[in-house]
Amino acid sequence: MAERAPQNFSNHARHDPLFHLFILPVFAITLIVTIVHLVRRPGLHSAWLVVVMIAAIAAIFKIRLYALKVQDRVIRLEERLRLATLLDASLRPRIAEFTESQLVALRFASDAELPALAARALNEKLSAPDIKKAIQQWRPDYWRV
């Protein structure tokens, strides 16, 4: 099995080739084809095909977003447990103040730098991209879909 390249801010985004390079283009092209068909042969059937294609595209995006939302919930739980373990007692009561996006971003911080970065994120209200840019020792997440 090939060794993965170390993850960092510039390469941490994950793309699913099957979804991004096959499913999306196939549905987009099919939508264009059905619109062209509607223009060339107007009618209820042609119009309905366009509606069905729009619904299908909406469905694939919703299905993907549902999976991402579940992952975010799991990450949120994992990071709250991790923070409860690694933060000083003075910061633990503030764990509930983290936004979901901050928790999702903090998952990339190493255990050594998490306490200081978490305190900074709370005090400076850092955004997720700012948190990721501030990470010095990247903790990879290869499981995100």
N, C-alpha and C. Protein backbone atom coordinates (compact mmCIF):
# COMPACT_ATOMS: atom_id res chain seq x y z
N MET A 1 0.83 -1.17 0.00
CA MET A 1 0.00 0.00 0.00
C MET A 1 0.88 1.24 0.00
N ALA A 2 0.59 2.18 -0.86
CA ALA A 2 1.39 3.39 -0.98
C ALA A 2 1.26 4.24 0.28
N GLU A 3 2.39 4.84 0.68
CA GLU A 3 2.37 5.70 1.85
C GLU A 3 1.76 7.04 1.47
N ARG A 4 0.93 7.57 2.33
CA ARG A 4 0.25 8.83 2.07
C ARG A 4 1.18 10.00 2.33
N ALA A 5 0.99 11.06 1.54
CA ALA A 5 1.77 12.28 1.75
C ALA A 5 1.32 12.92 3.06
N PRO A 6 2.24 13.52 3.79
CA PRO A 6 1.84 14.19 5.03
C PRO A 6 0.79 15.26 4.73
N GLN A 7 -0.20 15.35 5.58
CA GLN A 7 -1.28 16.31 5.39
C GLN A 7 -0.88 17.66 5.96
N ASN A 8 -1.34 18.73 5.30
CA ASN A 8 -1.14 20.08 5.81
C ASN A 8 -2.29 20.95 5.32
N PHE A 9 -2.25 22.24 5.61
CA PHE A 9 -3.35 23.12 5.26
C PHE A 9 -3.62 23.13 3.75
N SER A 10 -2.57 23.09 2.96
CA SER A 10 -2.75 23.22 1.52
C SER A 10 -3.27 21.94 0.84
N ASN A 11 -3.12 20.78 1.49
CA ASN A 11 -3.55 19.55 0.82
C ASN A 11 -4.54 18.72 1.63
N HIS A 12 -5.16 19.30 2.67
CA HIS A 12 -6.03 18.51 3.54
C HIS A 12 -7.43 18.28 2.98
N ALA A 13 -7.85 19.09 2.02
CA ALA A 13 -9.19 18.89 1.44
C ALA A 13 -9.22 17.56 0.70
N ARG A 14 -10.31 16.86 0.86
CA ARG A 14 -10.42 15.53 0.27
C ARG A 14 -11.42 15.55 -0.87
N HIS A 15 -11.06 14.96 -1.97
CA HIS A 15 -11.95 14.84 -3.11
C HIS A 15 -12.19 13.36 -3.39
N ASP A 16 -13.44 13.03 -3.62
CA ASP A 16 -13.83 11.66 -3.93
C ASP A 16 -13.95 11.56 -5.44
N PRO A 17 -13.01 10.91 -6.12
CA PRO A 17 -13.05 10.87 -7.58
C PRO A 17 -14.37 10.33 -8.15
N LEU A 18 -14.93 9.30 -7.54
CA LEU A 18 -16.18 8.76 -8.04
C LEU A 18 -17.28 9.82 -8.01
N PHE A 19 -17.35 10.56 -6.93
CA PHE A 19 -18.38 11.60 -6.80
C PHE A 19 -18.05 12.82 -7.66
N HIS A 20 -16.84 13.36 -7.50
CA HIS A 20 -16.49 14.62 -8.15
C HIS A 20 -16.19 14.48 -9.64
N LEU A 21 -15.65 13.36 -10.06
CA LEU A 21 -15.23 13.22 -11.46
C LEU A 21 -16.14 12.35 -12.30
N PHE A 22 -17.08 11.64 -11.67
CA PHE A 22 -17.99 10.80 -12.45
C PHE A 22 -19.46 11.17 -12.21
N ILE A 23 -19.91 11.02 -10.96
CA ILE A 23 -21.34 11.22 -10.67
C ILE A 23 -21.78 12.64 -10.99
N LEU A 24 -21.07 13.64 -10.47
CA LEU A 24 -21.47 15.04 -10.73
C LEU A 24 -21.47 15.37 -12.22
N PRO A 25 -20.40 15.07 -12.96
CA PRO A 25 -20.43 15.38 -14.39
C PRO A 25 -21.55 14.64 -15.16
N VAL A 26 -21.79 13.38 -14.81
CA VAL A 26 -22.85 12.63 -15.50
C VAL A 26 -24.20 13.29 -15.27
N PHE A 27 -24.49 13.67 -14.03
CA PHE A 27 -25.77 14.32 -13.75
C PHE A 27 -25.85 15.71 -14.38
N ALA A 28 -24.76 16.45 -14.37
CA ALA A 28 -24.76 17.79 -14.98
C ALA A 28 -24.98 17.70 -16.48
N ILE A 29 -24.29 16.78 -17.13
CA ILE A 29 -24.46 16.61 -18.58
C ILE A 29 -25.88 16.15 -18.89
N THR A 30 -26.40 15.24 -18.10
CA THR A 30 -27.76 14.75 -18.32
C THR A 30 -28.77 15.88 -18.14
N LEU A 31 -28.56 16.75 -17.17
CA LEU A 31 -29.45 17.91 -17.01
C LEU A 31 -29.40 18.80 -18.25
N ILE A 32 -28.21 19.05 -18.76
CA ILE A 32 -28.07 19.88 -19.97
C ILE A 32 -28.78 19.21 -21.15
N VAL A 33 -28.60 17.91 -21.30
CA VAL A 33 -29.24 17.17 -22.39
C VAL A 33 -30.76 17.24 -22.27
N THR A 34 -31.28 17.12 -21.05
CA THR A 34 -32.74 17.17 -20.89
C THR A 34 -33.28 18.58 -21.16
N ILE A 35 -32.51 19.60 -20.83
CA ILE A 35 -32.94 20.97 -21.15
C ILE A 35 -32.94 21.19 -22.66
N VAL A 36 -31.89 20.72 -23.33
CA VAL A 36 -31.84 20.82 -24.80
C VAL A 36 -33.02 20.07 -25.40
N HIS A 37 -33.32 18.89 -24.88
CA HIS A 37 -34.46 18.11 -25.36
C HIS A 37 -35.77 18.89 -25.16
N LEU A 38 -35.92 19.55 -24.02
CA LEU A 38 -37.11 20.35 -23.75
C LEU A 38 -37.24 21.50 -24.74
N VAL A 39 -36.12 22.15 -25.06
CA VAL A 39 -36.15 23.28 -26.01
C VAL A 39 -36.51 22.78 -27.41
N ARG A 40 -35.93 21.66 -27.81
CA ARG A 40 -36.18 21.13 -29.16
C ARG A 40 -37.55 20.47 -29.30
N ARG A 41 -38.02 19.83 -28.25
CA ARG A 41 -39.31 19.14 -28.27
C ARG A 41 -40.10 19.52 -27.03
N PRO A 42 -40.63 20.74 -27.00
CA PRO A 42 -41.38 21.16 -25.81
C PRO A 42 -42.59 20.26 -25.57
N GLY A 43 -42.82 20.01 -24.33
CA GLY A 43 -43.96 19.18 -23.96
C GLY A 43 -43.88 18.81 -22.50
N LEU A 44 -44.97 18.24 -22.01
CA LEU A 44 -45.04 17.86 -20.61
C LEU A 44 -43.97 16.83 -20.25
N HIS A 45 -43.79 15.84 -21.12
CA HIS A 45 -42.80 14.78 -20.85
C HIS A 45 -41.39 15.36 -20.77
N SER A 46 -41.03 16.22 -21.70
CA SER A 46 -39.70 16.82 -21.70
C SER A 46 -39.50 17.71 -20.48
N ALA A 47 -40.51 18.47 -20.13
CA ALA A 47 -40.43 19.34 -18.95
C ALA A 47 -40.29 18.51 -17.69
N TRP A 48 -41.04 17.40 -17.64
CA TRP A 48 -40.96 16.53 -16.47
C TRP A 48 -39.57 15.91 -16.32
N LEU A 49 -38.92 15.57 -17.41
CA LEU A 49 -37.56 15.02 -17.36
C LEU A 49 -36.59 16.04 -16.75
N VAL A 50 -36.76 17.31 -17.09
CA VAL A 50 -35.91 18.36 -16.51
C VAL A 50 -36.16 18.44 -15.01
N VAL A 51 -37.42 18.41 -14.60
CA VAL A 51 -37.75 18.46 -13.17
C VAL A 51 -37.15 17.25 -12.45
N VAL A 52 -37.26 16.07 -13.03
CA VAL A 52 -36.70 14.86 -12.41
C VAL A 52 -35.18 14.98 -12.29
N MET A 53 -34.52 15.51 -13.29
CA MET A 53 -33.07 15.66 -13.24
C MET A 53 -32.65 16.66 -12.17
N ILE A 54 -33.39 17.75 -12.04
CA ILE A 54 -33.09 18.73 -10.99
C ILE A 54 -33.28 18.07 -9.62
N ALA A 55 -34.34 17.29 -9.47
CA ALA A 55 -34.58 16.58 -8.20
C ALA A 55 -33.47 15.57 -7.94
N ALA A 56 -32.99 14.89 -8.96
CA ALA A 56 -31.92 13.90 -8.79
C ALA A 56 -30.62 14.59 -8.36
N ILE A 57 -30.32 15.71 -8.97
CA ILE A 57 -29.11 16.46 -8.59
C ILE A 57 -29.23 16.95 -7.14
N ALA A 58 -30.40 17.48 -6.79
CA ALA A 58 -30.62 17.93 -5.41
C ALA A 58 -30.46 16.75 -4.45
N ALA A 59 -30.96 15.59 -4.84
CA ALA A 59 -30.87 14.40 -3.98
C ALA A 59 -29.42 13.98 -3.76
N ILE A 60 -28.59 13.97 -4.80
CA ILE A 60 -27.20 13.53 -4.60
C ILE A 60 -26.45 14.52 -3.71
N PHE A 61 -26.76 15.81 -3.83
CA PHE A 61 -26.11 16.78 -2.95
C PHE A 61 -26.60 16.62 -1.51
N LYS A 62 -27.88 16.42 -1.32
CA LYS A 62 -28.41 16.23 0.03
C LYS A 62 -27.84 14.96 0.67
N ILE A 63 -27.76 13.89 -0.08
CA ILE A 63 -27.21 12.64 0.44
C ILE A 63 -25.77 12.85 0.89
N ARG A 64 -25.00 13.54 0.08
CA ARG A 64 -23.60 13.82 0.44
C ARG A 64 -23.54 14.72 1.68
N LEU A 65 -24.38 15.75 1.73
CA LEU A 65 -24.36 16.66 2.87
C LEU A 65 -24.79 15.96 4.16
N TYR A 66 -25.72 15.00 4.06
CA TYR A 66 -26.11 14.24 5.24
C TYR A 66 -24.91 13.48 5.81
N ALA A 67 -24.14 12.85 4.94
CA ALA A 67 -22.96 12.10 5.39
C ALA A 67 -21.94 13.04 6.03
N LEU A 68 -21.73 14.20 5.43
CA LEU A 68 -20.79 15.17 5.99
C LEU A 68 -21.26 15.68 7.35
N LYS A 69 -22.56 15.89 7.49
CA LYS A 69 -23.11 16.37 8.76
C LYS A 69 -22.92 15.33 9.85
N VAL A 70 -23.12 14.06 9.52
CA VAL A 70 -22.90 13.00 10.50
C VAL A 70 -21.42 12.97 10.91
N GLN A 71 -20.54 13.10 9.94
CA GLN A 71 -19.12 13.13 10.26
C GLN A 71 -18.79 14.32 11.16
N ASP A 72 -19.37 15.47 10.87
CA ASP A 72 -19.14 16.65 11.71
C ASP A 72 -19.61 16.42 13.15
N ARG A 73 -20.73 15.74 13.29
CA ARG A 73 -21.23 15.44 14.64
C ARG A 73 -20.27 14.52 15.38
N VAL A 74 -19.76 13.52 14.69
CA VAL A 74 -18.81 12.59 15.32
C VAL A 74 -17.52 13.32 15.67
N ILE A 75 -17.04 14.15 14.75
CA ILE A 75 -15.82 14.92 15.00
C ILE A 75 -16.03 15.85 16.20
N ARG A 76 -17.20 16.49 16.26
CA ARG A 76 -17.51 17.39 17.37
C ARG A 76 -17.43 16.63 18.70
N LEU A 77 -18.01 15.44 18.74
CA LEU A 77 -17.96 14.62 19.95
C LEU A 77 -16.53 14.22 20.29
N GLU A 78 -15.80 13.73 19.30
CA GLU A 78 -14.41 13.32 19.52
C GLU A 78 -13.56 14.47 20.04
N GLU A 79 -13.74 15.63 19.44
CA GLU A 79 -12.92 16.78 19.84
C GLU A 79 -13.29 17.29 21.22
N ARG A 80 -14.56 17.24 21.58
CA ARG A 80 -14.94 17.64 22.94
C ARG A 80 -14.32 16.69 23.97
N LEU A 81 -14.32 15.40 23.67
CA LEU A 81 -13.68 14.43 24.57
C LEU A 81 -12.17 14.67 24.65
N ARG A 82 -11.58 14.95 23.51
CA ARG A 82 -10.14 15.22 23.45
C ARG A 82 -9.80 16.49 24.22
N LEU A 83 -10.61 17.52 24.04
CA LEU A 83 -10.38 18.78 24.77
C LEU A 83 -10.55 18.57 26.27
N ALA A 84 -11.53 17.79 26.67
CA ALA A 84 -11.75 17.53 28.09
C ALA A 84 -10.54 16.83 28.70
N THR A 85 -9.85 16.06 27.90
CA THR A 85 -8.67 15.35 28.38
C THR A 85 -7.42 16.24 28.40
N LEU A 86 -7.28 17.09 27.37
CA LEU A 86 -6.03 17.82 27.19
C LEU A 86 -6.01 19.24 27.75
N LEU A 87 -7.17 19.85 27.94
CA LEU A 87 -7.20 21.23 28.42
C LEU A 87 -6.99 21.33 29.92
N ASP A 88 -6.44 22.46 30.33
CA ASP A 88 -6.31 22.74 31.77
C ASP A 88 -7.70 22.85 32.37
N ALA A 89 -7.78 22.62 33.67
CA ALA A 89 -9.07 22.68 34.36
C ALA A 89 -9.74 24.03 34.19
N SER A 90 -8.97 25.09 34.03
CA SER A 90 -9.55 26.43 33.89
C SER A 90 -10.26 26.61 32.55
N LEU A 91 -9.83 25.88 31.53
CA LEU A 91 -10.44 26.02 30.20
C LEU A 91 -11.55 25.01 29.94
N ARG A 92 -11.60 23.92 30.68
CA ARG A 92 -12.59 22.87 30.42
C ARG A 92 -14.03 23.38 30.44
N PRO A 93 -14.40 24.29 31.36
CA PRO A 93 -15.79 24.77 31.34
C PRO A 93 -16.16 25.55 30.08
N ARG A 94 -15.17 25.97 29.31
CA ARG A 94 -15.43 26.75 28.10
C ARG A 94 -15.57 25.89 26.84
N ILE A 95 -15.47 24.58 26.97
CA ILE A 95 -15.55 23.70 25.81
C ILE A 95 -16.86 23.92 25.04
N ALA A 96 -17.92 24.19 25.74
CA ALA A 96 -19.23 24.40 25.09
C ALA A 96 -19.25 25.66 24.23
N GLU A 97 -18.30 26.56 24.41
CA GLU A 97 -18.25 27.80 23.63
C GLU A 97 -17.73 27.61 22.21
N PHE A 98 -17.06 26.50 21.95
CA PHE A 98 -16.52 26.27 20.60
C PHE A 98 -17.66 26.11 19.61
N THR A 99 -17.49 26.68 18.43
CA THR A 99 -18.46 26.46 17.37
C THR A 99 -18.15 25.12 16.71
N GLU A 100 -19.10 24.62 15.97
CA GLU A 100 -18.88 23.35 15.27
C GLU A 100 -17.69 23.45 14.33
N SER A 101 -17.60 24.56 13.59
CA SER A 101 -16.50 24.70 12.63
C SER A 101 -15.15 24.80 13.33
N GLN A 102 -15.10 25.41 14.51
CA GLN A 102 -13.86 25.46 15.26
C GLN A 102 -13.43 24.07 15.72
N LEU A 103 -14.39 23.29 16.21
CA LEU A 103 -14.08 21.92 16.65
C LEU A 103 -13.60 21.07 15.48
N VAL A 104 -14.25 21.23 14.34
CA VAL A 104 -13.86 20.44 13.16
C VAL A 104 -12.45 20.83 12.72
N ALA A 105 -12.11 22.11 12.83
CA ALA A 105 -10.76 22.56 12.45
C ALA A 105 -9.71 22.13 13.47
N LEU A 106 -10.07 22.14 14.74
CA LEU A 106 -9.10 21.77 15.78
C LEU A 106 -8.67 20.32 15.72
N ARG A 107 -9.43 19.49 15.03
CA ARG A 107 -9.06 18.07 14.96
C ARG A 107 -7.70 17.87 14.31
N PHE A 108 -7.24 18.85 13.53
CA PHE A 108 -5.95 18.73 12.84
C PHE A 108 -4.77 19.11 13.73
N ALA A 109 -5.04 19.73 14.88
CA ALA A 109 -3.95 20.15 15.77
C ALA A 109 -3.42 18.96 16.56
N SER A 110 -2.11 18.90 16.70
CA SER A 110 -1.51 17.83 17.49
C SER A 110 -1.90 18.01 18.95
N ASP A 111 -1.79 16.94 19.71
CA ASP A 111 -2.12 17.00 21.14
C ASP A 111 -1.27 18.04 21.86
N ALA A 112 -0.01 18.18 21.45
CA ALA A 112 0.89 19.12 22.12
C ALA A 112 0.45 20.57 21.93
N GLU A 113 -0.03 20.91 20.76
CA GLU A 113 -0.39 22.31 20.51
C GLU A 113 -1.88 22.60 20.68
N LEU A 114 -2.68 21.58 20.90
CA LEU A 114 -4.13 21.79 21.02
C LEU A 114 -4.52 22.74 22.16
N PRO A 115 -4.02 22.58 23.38
CA PRO A 115 -4.47 23.46 24.46
C PRO A 115 -4.26 24.95 24.16
N ALA A 116 -3.08 25.31 23.69
CA ALA A 116 -2.79 26.72 23.40
C ALA A 116 -3.63 27.23 22.23
N LEU A 117 -3.76 26.41 21.21
CA LEU A 117 -4.55 26.82 20.05
C LEU A 117 -6.03 26.91 20.39
N ALA A 118 -6.51 26.01 21.21
CA ALA A 118 -7.92 26.05 21.63
C ALA A 118 -8.20 27.33 22.42
N ALA A 119 -7.30 27.68 23.33
CA ALA A 119 -7.47 28.92 24.11
C ALA A 119 -7.46 30.13 23.19
N ARG A 120 -6.56 30.12 22.23
CA ARG A 120 -6.49 31.23 21.27
C ARG A 120 -7.76 31.29 20.42
N ALA A 121 -8.26 30.13 20.00
CA ALA A 121 -9.48 30.09 19.18
C ALA A 121 -10.66 30.69 19.93
N LEU A 122 -10.76 30.39 21.22
CA LEU A 122 -11.85 30.94 22.02
C LEU A 122 -11.67 32.43 22.26
N ASN A 123 -10.47 32.83 22.65
CA ASN A 123 -10.23 34.23 23.01
C ASN A 123 -10.28 35.17 21.81
N GLU A 124 -9.77 34.70 20.68
CA GLU A 124 -9.71 35.55 19.48
C GLU A 124 -10.85 35.24 18.51
N LYS A 125 -11.71 34.29 18.88
CA LYS A 125 -12.82 33.87 18.02
C LYS A 125 -12.32 33.55 16.60
N LEU A 126 -11.30 32.70 16.54
CA LEU A 126 -10.70 32.33 15.26
C LEU A 126 -11.69 31.55 14.40
N SER A 127 -11.63 31.78 13.11
CA SER A 127 -12.43 31.00 12.16
C SER A 127 -11.73 29.68 11.90
N ALA A 128 -12.44 28.76 11.27
CA ALA A 128 -11.85 27.45 10.96
C ALA A 128 -10.60 27.58 10.09
N PRO A 129 -10.63 28.38 9.01
CA PRO A 129 -9.40 28.52 8.22
C PRO A 129 -8.24 29.12 9.02
N ASP A 130 -8.54 30.08 9.90
CA ASP A 130 -7.48 30.67 10.72
C ASP A 130 -6.89 29.64 11.68
N ILE A 131 -7.74 28.80 12.24
CA ILE A 131 -7.25 27.73 13.13
C ILE A 131 -6.34 26.79 12.35
N LYS A 132 -6.79 26.38 11.18
CA LYS A 132 -5.98 25.45 10.37
C LYS A 132 -4.65 26.07 9.97
N LYS A 133 -4.65 27.36 9.64
CA LYS A 133 -3.40 28.03 9.25
C LYS A 133 -2.44 28.16 10.42
N ALA A 134 -2.97 28.22 11.64
CA ALA A 134 -2.13 28.38 12.83
C ALA A 134 -1.49 27.08 13.29
N ILE A 135 -1.94 25.96 12.78
CA ILE A 135 -1.42 24.66 13.23
C ILE A 135 0.01 24.46 12.74
N GLN A 136 0.89 24.11 13.66
CA GLN A 136 2.30 23.86 13.33
C GLN A 136 2.57 22.37 13.11
N GLN A 137 2.00 21.52 13.95
CA GLN A 137 2.17 20.07 13.83
C GLN A 137 0.83 19.49 13.41
N TRP A 138 0.69 19.20 12.14
CA TRP A 138 -0.58 18.76 11.56
C TRP A 138 -0.87 17.32 11.97
N ARG A 139 -2.08 17.09 12.46
CA ARG A 139 -2.57 15.75 12.80
C ARG A 139 -3.50 15.34 11.66
N PRO A 140 -3.09 14.42 10.82
CA PRO A 140 -3.87 14.12 9.62
C PRO A 140 -5.22 13.46 9.92
N ASP A 141 -6.17 13.72 9.02
CA ASP A 141 -7.47 13.07 9.06
C ASP A 141 -7.73 12.53 7.67
N TYR A 142 -7.41 11.27 7.46
CA TYR A 142 -7.57 10.65 6.14
C TYR A 142 -8.94 10.02 5.96
N TRP A 143 -9.78 10.05 6.99
CA TRP A 143 -11.06 9.37 6.93
C TRP A 143 -12.19 10.25 6.44
N ARG A 144 -12.02 11.55 6.45
CA ARG A 144 -13.08 12.46 6.03
C ARG A 144 -13.47 12.17 4.58
N VAL A 145 -14.76 12.15 4.32
CA VAL A 145 -15.25 11.90 2.97
C VAL A 145 -15.68 13.20 2.34
